[in-house]
């Protein structure tokens, strides 16, 4: 029996008899596949726009791509959060060319059309030259069709008929809540400073990599040695059969969302002291843990503080709640290129010392010069280079963990949770309609 698929009608093949799950490498290199992804996935799901804390004051704005469109994420003069398509209604030029700032209006440098921060038209030079049927009230900036938020995470959708955001997020909300409960008030904020970089790889590789704990031993051996040399026990228990010190799991959260859910071994600036933070931090971290217990109770405090998670919101948002909290958004620039934007997230109540520890943890692991990110970028780009041979070596094997029985849980070092993404991708992409 041939283990590899012979059916090339589908890009994703799940063969339960062979206990195999395969992804055709063409999906990482094909411009036609990317074009279909834009129409069938990015145009039909909720796409992350930004965090409410980025818009502290009326007039604050960020211009950024959302589902392939230029969008202004802003707070209008009345304090309402908006997402406006950044294209002049006259001849299409951008009306906001700055990345971020505070504005009283948005101005098109081509012909001078000017818009209020709520998107309504403010001024049209020579407006009297237009005909009697011209209606200026219909010429404001177009809002995205749907804009909604969950606990200050804002999402847009270009599908007017899509389920509401709360329904779409489903069980993923439980894991967002675990992140936000680190804050005594439940309020987190994007910390000033943005990481932005390009990767010469397909965007779906970042989904896989962000939730794949199987690669830690091979790809991040330098970081593991650093942890070991800092006095952290990273050895798996003898006879456990585990690859890492703790037994974590991969979880299917529905709608293509997924997460890892792991007992923590690498330290958290929120509530677990380890030697890498220095002896002087121990009393403060212990006090933070005591506050969690008082506010949430022992069980919930342990859930928030002593487990970590890499949460994937389908299709292209990752919230990593590990040694620090990272919000990572990425999107395709082509079939073999993506842009990644990442921010650190922290409780609004943090002291200067607590914020410094958080940023140290964030930059040490997730930063562009940290232990993880350069290694991950190198691995993804190596994979993309290998996909040049997709006609000769057509299949990725994503079958790890499929030999387990239906009642056995998928470990975080299995690939069961990665298969969640690919099943949803296949469902949306490979309909014959």
Protein backbone atom coordinates (compact mmCIF):
# COMPACT_ATOMS: atom_id res chain seq x y z
CA UNK A 1 0.00 0.00 0.00
CA UNK A 2 1.42 3.39 -1.01
CA UNK A 3 1.54 5.62 2.05
CA UNK A 4 1.57 8.90 0.12
CA UNK A 5 -1.58 10.17 -1.65
CA UNK A 6 -2.17 9.43 -5.29
CA UNK A 7 -5.22 11.71 -5.52
CA UNK A 8 -4.12 15.18 -6.59
CA UNK A 9 -7.65 16.57 -6.96
CA UNK A 10 -7.39 18.12 -3.51
CA UNK A 11 -4.59 20.07 -1.86
CA UNK A 12 -5.33 18.57 1.58
CA UNK A 13 -5.76 14.81 1.88
CA UNK A 14 -6.75 13.07 5.11
CA UNK A 15 -6.53 9.28 4.96
CA UNK A 16 -7.81 7.75 8.20
CA UNK A 17 -7.10 4.21 7.02
CA UNK A 18 -3.41 5.02 6.54
CA UNK A 19 -3.48 7.39 9.55
CA UNK A 20 -2.03 10.03 7.28
CA UNK A 21 -2.65 13.74 6.73
CA UNK A 22 -1.00 15.44 3.78
CA UNK A 23 -0.76 18.98 2.40
CA UNK A 24 0.29 19.51 -1.19
CA UNK A 25 3.24 21.90 -1.36
CA UNK A 26 1.72 23.70 -4.32
CA UNK A 27 -0.37 25.70 -1.83
CA UNK A 28 2.81 27.46 -0.68
CA UNK A 29 4.01 28.54 -4.14
CA UNK A 30 0.99 29.04 -6.40
CA UNK A 31 -0.23 32.56 -7.31
CA UNK A 32 -3.58 31.01 -8.25
CA UNK A 33 -3.97 29.53 -4.78
CA UNK A 34 -3.17 32.90 -3.21
CA UNK A 35 -5.77 34.61 -5.39
CA UNK A 36 -8.40 32.09 -4.26
CA UNK A 37 -7.34 32.56 -0.62
CA UNK A 38 -8.02 36.27 -0.95
CA UNK A 39 -11.55 35.65 -2.22
CA UNK A 40 -12.51 32.57 -0.23
CA UNK A 41 -10.72 33.14 3.09
CA UNK A 42 -9.64 36.74 3.67
CA UNK A 43 -12.84 38.16 2.18
CA UNK A 44 -15.07 35.78 4.18
CA UNK A 45 -13.63 35.73 7.70
CA UNK A 46 -13.01 38.18 10.54
CA UNK A 47 -9.55 39.74 10.15
CA UNK A 48 -7.66 41.44 12.98
CA UNK A 49 -7.46 45.23 12.68
CA UNK A 50 -5.91 46.40 15.94
CA UNK A 51 -6.27 46.86 19.67
CA UNK A 52 -8.36 49.59 21.24
CA UNK A 53 -5.45 50.74 23.41
CA UNK A 54 -3.67 51.90 20.25
CA UNK A 55 -6.32 54.64 19.98
CA UNK A 56 -6.16 56.36 23.35
CA UNK A 57 -7.43 59.77 22.23
CA UNK A 58 -9.96 61.11 19.72
CA UNK A 59 -8.17 61.60 16.41
CA UNK A 60 -5.62 58.82 17.00
CA UNK A 61 -5.12 56.63 13.94
CA UNK A 62 -3.08 53.78 12.46
CA UNK A 63 -3.06 53.06 8.74
CA UNK A 64 -2.47 49.40 7.95
CA UNK A 65 -3.45 46.68 5.45
CA UNK A 66 -6.47 44.55 6.32
CA UNK A 67 -7.41 41.66 4.01
CA UNK A 68 -5.44 43.26 1.20
CA UNK A 69 -7.07 46.68 1.55
CA UNK A 70 -5.56 49.90 2.92
CA UNK A 71 -7.49 50.75 6.10
CA UNK A 72 -7.47 53.60 8.60
CA UNK A 73 -8.02 52.27 12.13
CA UNK A 74 -8.99 55.36 14.10
CA UNK A 75 -10.96 56.92 16.91
CA UNK A 76 -13.18 59.73 15.70
CA UNK A 77 -13.72 63.05 17.47
CA UNK A 78 -16.67 61.63 19.39
CA UNK A 79 -14.56 58.72 20.66
CA UNK A 80 -16.01 55.98 18.43
CA UNK A 81 -13.58 53.42 16.97
CA UNK A 82 -13.78 53.12 13.20
CA UNK A 83 -12.14 51.25 10.35
CA UNK A 84 -12.29 53.27 7.13
CA UNK A 85 -11.09 52.20 3.70
CA UNK A 86 -8.12 54.45 2.95
CA UNK A 87 -9.10 55.45 -0.57
CA UNK A 88 -10.42 58.80 -1.70
CA UNK A 89 -13.94 58.61 -3.11
CA UNK A 90 -12.95 60.90 -5.96
CA UNK A 91 -10.02 59.21 -7.74
CA UNK A 92 -8.83 56.61 -5.26
CA UNK A 93 -5.62 58.01 -3.76
CA UNK A 94 -4.73 57.35 -0.13
CA UNK A 95 -6.11 60.03 2.16
CA UNK A 96 -3.87 58.99 5.06
CA UNK A 97 -0.22 58.43 4.11
CA UNK A 98 1.24 58.40 7.63
CA UNK A 99 1.57 55.15 9.56
CA UNK A 100 0.11 56.56 12.77
CA UNK A 101 -0.54 59.79 14.61
CA UNK A 102 -3.36 62.10 15.59
CA UNK A 103 -5.43 63.92 13.00
CA UNK A 104 -8.30 66.39 12.87
CA UNK A 105 -9.05 65.33 9.31
CA UNK A 106 -7.82 63.14 6.46
CA UNK A 107 -6.66 64.98 3.34
CA UNK A 108 -6.19 63.68 -0.20
CA UNK A 109 -3.05 65.21 -1.67
CA UNK A 110 -4.22 64.55 -5.24
CA UNK A 111 -7.20 66.94 -5.53
CA UNK A 112 -7.70 68.14 -1.97
CA UNK A 113 -10.81 66.27 -0.91
CA UNK A 114 -10.94 66.33 2.89
CA UNK A 115 -12.69 63.96 5.29
CA UNK A 116 -13.61 64.08 8.97
CA UNK A 117 -12.26 61.39 11.27
CA UNK A 118 -15.65 59.67 11.22
CA UNK A 119 -15.25 59.32 7.43
CA UNK A 120 -17.82 61.94 6.44
CA UNK A 121 -16.89 64.37 3.70
CA UNK A 122 -15.67 67.72 5.00
CA UNK A 123 -14.59 69.72 1.95
CA UNK A 124 -14.57 69.31 -1.84
CA UNK A 125 -12.68 72.04 -3.71
CA UNK A 126 -14.85 73.54 -6.45
CA UNK A 127 -17.85 71.50 -5.40
CA UNK A 128 -20.17 73.81 -7.34
CA UNK A 129 -18.81 72.36 -10.60
CA UNK A 130 -20.59 69.03 -9.99
CA UNK A 131 -24.02 68.36 -11.45
CA UNK A 132 -27.41 68.61 -9.80
CA UNK A 133 -27.46 64.88 -9.01
CA UNK A 134 -24.22 65.02 -7.02
CA UNK A 135 -24.81 64.11 -3.35
CA UNK A 136 -21.87 64.92 -1.11
CA UNK A 137 -23.38 62.94 1.78
CA UNK A 138 -22.76 59.76 -0.22
CA UNK A 139 -19.10 60.56 -0.84
CA UNK A 140 -17.60 59.92 2.58
CA UNK A 141 -14.87 57.36 3.14
CA UNK A 142 -16.24 53.83 2.94
CA UNK A 143 -16.28 52.01 6.25
CA UNK A 144 -15.37 48.33 6.29
CA UNK A 145 -18.64 46.36 5.97
CA UNK A 146 -18.40 44.87 9.48
CA UNK A 147 -16.38 46.03 12.50
CA UNK A 148 -16.64 44.44 15.93
CA UNK A 149 -14.50 43.84 18.99
CA UNK A 150 -13.99 41.35 21.76
CA UNK A 151 -12.39 42.81 24.90
CA UNK A 152 -10.66 45.55 22.88
CA UNK A 153 -9.41 43.28 20.08
CA UNK A 154 -10.96 44.77 16.93
CA UNK A 155 -11.75 42.71 13.83
CA UNK A 156 -13.14 43.64 10.42
CA UNK A 157 -14.97 41.54 7.87
CA UNK A 158 -15.76 42.23 4.24
CA UNK A 159 -18.57 39.67 4.32
CA UNK A 160 -21.73 41.48 5.40
CA UNK A 161 -23.47 38.18 6.12
CA UNK A 162 -20.78 36.63 8.33
CA UNK A 163 -21.69 35.39 11.81
CA UNK A 164 -21.17 37.95 14.56
CA UNK A 165 -17.66 38.11 15.99
CA UNK A 166 -18.55 36.48 19.31
CA UNK A 167 -20.00 33.46 17.50
CA UNK A 168 -17.01 33.33 15.15
CA UNK A 169 -14.47 33.36 17.99
CA UNK A 170 -16.36 30.70 19.96
CA UNK A 171 -14.12 28.80 22.37
CA UNK A 172 -11.15 31.00 21.49
CA UNK A 173 -12.69 33.64 23.76
CA UNK A 174 -11.90 31.45 26.78
CA UNK A 175 -8.19 31.67 25.96
CA UNK A 176 -8.30 35.41 25.31
CA UNK A 177 -9.87 35.74 28.76
CA UNK A 178 -6.93 33.86 30.31
CA UNK A 179 -4.59 36.44 28.82
CA UNK A 180 -6.59 39.43 30.02
CA UNK A 181 -7.04 38.09 33.54
CA UNK A 182 -3.35 38.79 34.15
CA UNK A 183 -4.50 42.39 34.63
CA UNK A 184 -6.25 43.27 37.93
CA UNK A 185 -8.74 45.36 35.94
CA UNK A 186 -8.91 43.02 32.95
CA UNK A 187 -7.45 45.80 30.82
CA UNK A 188 -4.38 45.18 28.70
CA UNK A 189 -2.59 47.59 26.40
CA UNK A 190 -0.32 47.43 23.40
CA UNK A 191 3.11 48.52 24.61
CA UNK A 192 4.73 51.27 22.58
CA UNK A 193 6.98 49.89 19.86
CA UNK A 194 6.27 47.62 16.91
CA UNK A 195 8.22 44.78 15.37
CA UNK A 196 7.74 44.58 11.63
CA UNK A 197 9.62 42.38 9.23
CA UNK A 198 9.26 40.42 6.02
CA UNK A 199 9.77 36.68 5.62
CA UNK A 200 10.52 35.01 2.30
CA UNK A 201 7.89 32.39 2.92
CA UNK A 202 4.19 31.71 2.46
CA UNK A 203 1.89 33.19 5.13
CA UNK A 204 0.51 29.79 6.15
CA UNK A 205 3.98 28.75 7.33
CA UNK A 206 3.70 31.36 10.09
CA UNK A 207 0.44 29.80 11.30
CA UNK A 208 2.11 26.40 11.53
CA UNK A 209 5.30 27.66 13.14
CA UNK A 210 3.55 29.78 15.77
CA UNK A 211 1.73 26.80 17.31
CA UNK A 212 4.25 24.02 16.59
CA UNK A 213 6.11 22.88 19.71
CA UNK A 214 7.65 19.91 17.89
CA UNK A 215 10.31 22.21 16.40
CA UNK A 216 11.61 23.58 19.71
CA UNK A 217 14.36 21.00 20.27
CA UNK A 218 15.84 21.30 16.79
CA UNK A 219 15.24 24.95 15.92
CA UNK A 220 15.64 26.59 19.33
CA UNK A 221 18.46 24.55 20.86
CA UNK A 222 20.39 27.77 21.63
CA UNK A 223 17.50 29.11 23.69
CA UNK A 224 17.07 25.79 25.50
CA UNK A 225 20.79 25.82 26.38
CA UNK A 226 20.42 29.39 27.65
CA UNK A 227 17.55 28.31 29.88
CA UNK A 228 19.54 25.31 31.11
CA UNK A 229 22.57 27.46 31.86
CA UNK A 230 20.32 29.90 33.74
CA UNK A 231 19.29 27.15 36.14
CA UNK A 232 15.95 26.20 34.56
CA UNK A 233 15.19 22.48 34.38
CA UNK A 234 14.36 21.71 30.75
CA UNK A 235 14.86 17.93 30.88
CA UNK A 236 11.73 15.83 30.29
CA UNK A 237 10.85 13.44 33.14
CA UNK A 238 12.65 10.12 32.78
CA UNK A 239 10.58 7.44 31.10
CA UNK A 240 7.84 9.91 30.17
CA UNK A 241 8.41 9.71 26.44
CA UNK A 242 8.03 13.49 26.30
CA UNK A 243 10.24 15.77 24.23
CA UNK A 244 9.90 18.75 26.59
CA UNK A 245 9.80 19.16 30.38
CA UNK A 246 6.02 19.37 30.68
CA UNK A 247 3.10 17.56 29.08
CA UNK A 248 1.09 20.05 27.05
CA UNK A 249 -1.73 19.63 24.59
CA UNK A 250 -2.99 20.87 21.25
CA UNK A 251 -6.62 22.01 21.29
CA UNK A 252 -9.27 22.39 18.60
CA UNK A 253 -11.36 25.47 19.44
CA UNK A 254 -13.70 25.27 16.43
CA UNK A 255 -14.00 27.47 13.32
CA UNK A 256 -10.35 26.85 12.47
CA UNK A 257 -9.10 28.35 15.76
CA UNK A 258 -6.63 26.33 17.82
CA UNK A 259 -4.16 26.59 20.66
CA UNK A 260 -1.43 24.90 22.58
CA UNK A 261 -2.16 24.55 26.29
CA UNK A 262 0.93 23.78 28.32
CA UNK A 263 2.08 23.73 31.94
CA UNK A 264 4.68 26.46 32.06
CA UNK A 265 8.37 25.71 32.50
CA UNK A 266 9.99 28.85 31.08
CA UNK A 267 8.84 31.50 33.53
CA UNK A 268 6.23 34.23 33.30
CA UNK A 269 6.72 37.83 34.37
CA UNK A 270 3.14 37.76 35.62
CA UNK A 271 3.31 35.13 38.32
CA UNK A 272 6.19 32.68 38.35
CA UNK A 273 9.74 33.52 39.34
CA UNK A 274 12.65 31.71 37.75
CA UNK A 275 16.34 32.42 37.96
CA UNK A 276 16.55 34.30 34.64
CA UNK A 277 14.64 37.20 36.25
CA UNK A 278 17.17 37.69 39.05
CA UNK A 279 16.77 37.32 42.78
CA UNK A 280 15.70 40.94 43.16
CA UNK A 281 12.48 40.25 41.21
CA UNK A 282 11.29 37.36 43.38
CA UNK A 283 9.38 39.37 46.01
CA UNK A 284 7.56 41.42 43.39
CA UNK A 285 6.58 38.36 41.34
CA UNK A 286 5.40 36.57 44.50
CA UNK A 287 3.23 39.60 45.30
CA UNK A 288 1.73 39.48 41.81
CA UNK A 289 0.90 35.82 42.34
CA UNK A 290 -0.76 36.62 45.66
CA UNK A 291 -2.89 39.28 43.96
CA UNK A 292 -4.00 36.76 41.34
CA UNK A 293 -4.99 34.23 44.01
CA UNK A 294 -6.92 36.82 45.99
CA UNK A 295 -8.77 38.05 42.91
CA UNK A 296 -9.37 34.79 41.06
CA UNK A 297 -8.99 31.99 43.61
CA UNK A 298 -6.25 29.35 43.70
CA UNK A 299 -7.53 27.28 40.78
CA UNK A 300 -8.11 30.08 38.31
CA UNK A 301 -4.92 31.87 39.37
CA UNK A 302 -2.94 28.71 38.65
CA UNK A 303 -4.64 28.45 35.25
CA UNK A 304 -3.68 32.03 34.38
CA UNK A 305 -0.18 31.95 35.83
CA UNK A 306 1.10 28.41 35.50
CA UNK A 307 0.01 27.55 31.96
CA UNK A 308 0.94 29.15 28.68
CA UNK A 309 -0.71 29.10 25.30
CA UNK A 310 -0.10 29.94 21.66
CA UNK A 311 -3.54 30.88 20.35
CA UNK A 312 -4.29 30.95 16.62
CA UNK A 313 -7.36 32.87 15.46
CA UNK A 314 -8.20 31.76 11.91
CA UNK A 315 -6.85 32.80 9.55
CA UNK A 316 -3.87 35.03 10.47
CA UNK A 317 -3.75 36.24 14.08
CA UNK A 318 -1.59 34.67 16.78
CA UNK A 319 -1.65 35.59 20.48
CA UNK A 320 1.36 34.00 22.17
CA UNK A 321 1.00 33.99 25.96
CA UNK A 322 4.32 32.46 27.00
CA UNK A 323 7.28 34.16 28.60
CA UNK A 324 5.51 37.37 27.50
CA UNK A 325 2.32 38.19 25.60
CA UNK A 326 2.77 38.78 21.88
CA UNK A 327 0.09 39.81 19.39
CA UNK A 328 1.29 38.72 15.95
CA UNK A 329 -0.52 39.59 12.73
CA UNK A 330 0.77 38.62 9.29
CA UNK A 331 -0.43 38.73 5.72
CA UNK A 332 0.76 37.66 2.27
CA UNK A 333 2.73 39.95 -0.03
CA UNK A 334 2.92 37.17 -2.59
CA UNK A 335 2.84 33.37 -2.60
CA UNK A 336 6.40 33.27 -1.25
CA UNK A 337 6.52 36.44 0.89
CA UNK A 338 4.72 37.72 3.98
CA UNK A 339 4.86 40.73 6.24
CA UNK A 340 4.75 40.15 10.00
CA UNK A 341 3.73 42.79 12.55
CA UNK A 342 4.07 42.00 16.26
CA UNK A 343 3.35 43.90 19.44
CA UNK A 344 3.86 43.25 23.14
CA UNK A 345 0.72 43.32 25.29
CA UNK A 346 0.73 44.03 29.03
CA UNK A 347 -1.55 45.00 31.94
CA UNK A 348 -2.24 48.71 32.17
CA UNK A 349 -1.41 48.63 35.90
CA UNK A 350 2.18 47.34 35.55
CA UNK A 351 4.90 49.18 37.41
CA UNK A 352 8.00 50.36 35.60
CA UNK A 353 9.98 47.37 36.92
CA UNK A 354 7.26 44.89 35.93
CA UNK A 355 7.02 46.39 32.44
CA UNK A 356 10.81 46.20 32.07
CA UNK A 357 10.77 42.46 32.93
CA UNK A 358 7.94 41.89 30.47
CA UNK A 359 9.79 43.65 27.66
CA UNK A 360 12.99 41.78 28.52
CA UNK A 361 11.11 38.47 28.19
CA UNK A 362 9.40 39.64 25.00
CA UNK A 363 12.60 40.79 23.29
CA UNK A 364 14.77 37.93 24.54
CA UNK A 365 12.57 35.31 22.94
CA UNK A 366 10.25 36.96 20.39
CA UNK A 367 12.32 39.99 19.39
CA UNK A 368 13.93 40.34 15.94
CA UNK A 369 17.31 39.74 17.58
CA UNK A 370 16.01 37.27 20.18
CA UNK A 371 16.44 33.54 20.57
CA UNK A 372 13.32 32.51 18.66
CA UNK A 373 12.45 34.85 15.80
CA UNK A 374 15.69 34.69 13.73
CA UNK A 375 15.72 30.89 14.01
CA UNK A 376 12.07 30.66 13.01
CA UNK A 377 12.54 32.97 10.03
CA UNK A 378 15.51 30.90 8.87
CA UNK A 379 13.49 27.68 9.19
CA UNK A 380 10.49 29.05 7.28
CA UNK A 381 12.64 30.45 4.51
CA UNK A 382 14.46 27.10 4.24
CA UNK A 383 11.08 25.39 3.89
CA UNK A 384 10.00 27.85 1.21
CA UNK A 385 13.21 27.21 -0.73
CA UNK A 386 12.57 23.48 -0.52
CA UNK A 387 9.08 23.94 -1.97
CA UNK A 388 10.66 24.89 -5.31
CA UNK A 389 10.73 21.12 -5.84
CA UNK A 390 6.99 20.74 -5.18
CA UNK A 391 6.39 18.97 -8.49
CA UNK A 392 8.93 16.28 -7.58
CA UNK A 393 8.29 16.06 -3.82
CA UNK A 394 4.66 17.15 -3.61
CA UNK A 395 3.45 16.34 -0.08
CA UNK A 396 4.00 17.62 3.43
CA UNK A 397 3.30 14.91 6.00
CA UNK A 398 1.33 16.34 8.94
CA UNK A 399 0.32 13.00 10.43
CA UNK A 400 2.10 13.17 13.79
CA UNK A 401 -0.30 11.95 16.48
CA UNK A 402 -2.84 10.34 14.15
CA UNK A 403 -2.05 6.85 15.44
CA UNK A 404 -3.65 7.75 18.77
CA UNK A 405 -7.08 6.49 19.67
CA UNK A 406 -10.12 8.78 19.64
CA UNK A 407 -10.00 9.19 23.43
CA UNK A 408 -6.31 10.09 23.55
CA UNK A 409 -5.45 13.77 23.64
CA UNK A 410 -3.14 15.31 21.09
CA UNK A 411 0.08 16.59 22.63
CA UNK A 412 1.47 20.01 21.81
CA UNK A 413 4.34 18.18 20.07
CA UNK A 414 1.83 16.30 17.89
CA UNK A 415 0.29 17.91 14.83
CA UNK A 416 -3.37 17.47 15.67
CA UNK A 417 -3.90 21.16 16.31
CA UNK A 418 -2.10 22.08 13.06
CA UNK A 419 -4.54 19.83 11.23
CA UNK A 420 -7.36 21.99 12.64
CA UNK A 421 -6.12 24.93 10.59
CA UNK A 422 -5.72 22.86 7.43
CA UNK A 423 -9.18 21.30 7.68
CA UNK A 424 -10.76 24.76 7.88
CA UNK A 425 -8.52 26.03 5.08
CA UNK A 426 -9.55 23.07 2.92
CA UNK A 427 -13.23 23.50 3.75
CA UNK A 428 -13.17 27.12 2.55
CA UNK A 429 -10.80 26.68 -0.40
CA UNK A 430 -11.76 23.40 -1.98
CA UNK A 431 -15.50 23.69 -2.32
CA UNK A 432 -16.41 22.96 -5.92
CA UNK A 433 -18.54 26.10 -6.21
